[in-house]
Amino acid sequence: MEKEFTKEQQYVLARKRVEKISKFYKHLLIYIVVNIFLTAIFIAGDTNDKNTFIEALTNYHNYVIWLYWGIGITFQALNTFGVNLFISKDWEKKKINEYMDEQNNRRI
């Protein structure tokens, strides 16, 4: 049973959802900018420690922060967009119809 919301309640809910999405995209932008900056510093530090540029570039320790912060970003994305971020109800309906069409075409 779905609740009936007034226009004002709908507006407040929509505004909160937009704010949540906006915060996610800002966090994603900060994640990318800061990690590029930190990775560049780590690589520069490795090259100053007598490593070649290729060794510094392929050192996985320089990218660990991407992984751990990325896990946090993933959870924030799931919280913001919902668990159905990757597989939505629309996708399920399309796949069901697609398989039904396949079965109908085989019979003909």
Protein backbone atom coordinates (compact mmCIF):
# COMPACT_ATOMS: atom_id res chain seq x y z
CA MET A 1 0.00 0.00 0.00
CA GLU A 2 1.54 3.26 -1.10
CA LYS A 3 1.19 6.45 0.88
CA GLU A 4 -0.37 9.54 -0.57
CA PHE A 5 1.90 12.56 -0.23
CA THR A 6 0.95 16.19 -0.57
CA LYS A 7 2.77 18.33 -3.15
CA GLU A 8 4.84 19.91 -0.37
CA GLN A 9 5.87 16.51 1.01
CA GLN A 10 6.76 15.33 -2.49
CA TYR A 11 8.87 18.46 -2.98
CA VAL A 12 10.72 17.93 0.31
CA LEU A 13 11.42 14.28 -0.52
CA ALA A 14 12.61 15.17 -4.02
CA ARG A 15 14.83 17.96 -2.69
CA LYS A 16 16.42 15.60 -0.13
CA ARG A 17 17.07 13.02 -2.86
CA VAL A 18 18.68 15.63 -5.13
CA GLU A 19 20.85 16.86 -2.25
CA LYS A 20 21.95 13.29 -1.55
CA ILE A 21 22.86 12.74 -5.20
CA SER A 22 24.69 16.08 -5.31
CA LYS A 23 26.73 15.15 -2.23
CA PHE A 24 27.64 11.83 -3.84
CA TYR A 25 28.91 13.46 -7.03
CA LYS A 26 30.90 16.03 -5.05
CA HIS A 27 32.45 13.22 -3.00
CA LEU A 28 33.24 11.31 -6.19
CA LEU A 29 34.96 14.37 -7.67
CA ILE A 30 37.00 14.89 -4.50
CA TYR A 31 37.91 11.18 -4.53
CA ILE A 32 39.26 11.42 -8.07
CA VAL A 33 41.15 14.72 -7.64
CA VAL A 34 42.71 13.86 -4.28
CA ASN A 35 43.73 10.36 -5.34
CA ILE A 36 45.35 11.60 -8.56
CA PHE A 37 47.28 14.16 -6.51
CA LEU A 38 48.34 11.61 -3.86
CA THR A 39 49.30 9.01 -6.44
CA ALA A 40 51.46 11.58 -8.25
CA ILE A 41 53.19 12.44 -4.96
CA PHE A 42 53.75 8.75 -4.16
CA ILE A 43 55.20 8.09 -7.61
CA ALA A 44 57.45 11.14 -7.38
CA GLY A 45 58.62 9.96 -3.96
CA ASP A 46 59.41 6.51 -5.31
CA THR A 47 61.42 7.95 -8.19
CA ASN A 48 63.39 10.05 -5.69
CA ASP A 49 64.14 6.84 -3.76
CA LYS A 50 66.13 5.49 -6.72
CA ASN A 51 63.22 3.58 -8.32
CA THR A 52 62.70 3.90 -12.05
CA PHE A 53 59.55 5.63 -13.22
CA ILE A 54 58.11 2.32 -14.44
CA GLU A 55 58.78 0.66 -11.07
CA ALA A 56 57.16 3.57 -9.27
CA LEU A 57 54.21 3.53 -11.65
CA THR A 58 53.59 -0.20 -11.17
CA ASN A 59 54.04 -0.23 -7.39
CA TYR A 60 50.65 -1.27 -6.07
CA HIS A 61 51.22 0.51 -2.74
CA ASN A 62 50.74 3.77 -4.62
CA TYR A 63 47.16 2.79 -5.45
CA VAL A 64 45.95 1.23 -2.18
CA ILE A 65 44.17 4.42 -1.17
CA TRP A 66 42.11 4.19 -4.38
CA LEU A 67 40.92 0.75 -3.28
CA TYR A 68 39.98 1.54 0.31
CA TRP A 69 38.38 4.90 -0.39
CA GLY A 70 36.73 3.33 -3.43
CA ILE A 71 35.02 0.80 -1.19
CA GLY A 72 33.57 3.70 0.77
CA ILE A 73 32.46 5.40 -2.46
CA THR A 74 30.78 2.16 -3.55
CA PHE A 75 28.78 1.96 -0.34
CA GLN A 76 27.82 5.61 -0.67
CA ALA A 77 26.66 4.97 -4.26
CA LEU A 78 24.56 2.03 -3.12
CA ASN A 79 23.11 4.17 -0.33
CA THR A 80 22.41 7.05 -2.72
CA PHE A 81 21.04 5.18 -5.72
CA GLY A 82 19.81 2.05 -3.96
CA VAL A 83 20.78 -1.58 -4.22
CA ASN A 84 19.17 -1.74 -7.66
CA LEU A 85 21.88 0.53 -9.06
CA PHE A 86 23.14 -2.14 -11.44
CA ILE A 87 20.11 -4.40 -11.86
CA SER A 88 16.85 -2.50 -11.68
CA LYS A 89 13.28 -3.76 -11.91
CA ASP A 90 13.10 -2.36 -15.45
CA TRP A 91 16.11 -4.49 -16.39
CA GLU A 92 14.44 -7.57 -14.92
CA LYS A 93 11.23 -6.89 -16.87
CA LYS A 94 13.17 -6.39 -20.10
CA LYS A 95 15.07 -9.65 -19.60
CA ILE A 96 11.88 -11.58 -18.84
CA ASN A 97 10.25 -10.20 -22.00
CA GLU A 98 13.38 -10.96 -24.00
CA TYR A 99 13.43 -14.61 -22.86
CA MET A 100 9.71 -14.96 -23.50
CA ASP A 101 10.19 -13.60 -27.02
CA GLU A 102 13.04 -16.07 -27.58
CA GLN A 103 10.83 -18.96 -26.52
CA ASN A 104 7.98 -17.78 -28.76
CA ASN A 105 10.34 -17.46 -31.74
CA ARG A 106 11.64 -21.01 -31.23
CA ARG A 107 8.15 -22.45 -31.43
CA ILE A 108 7.45 -20.80 -34.77
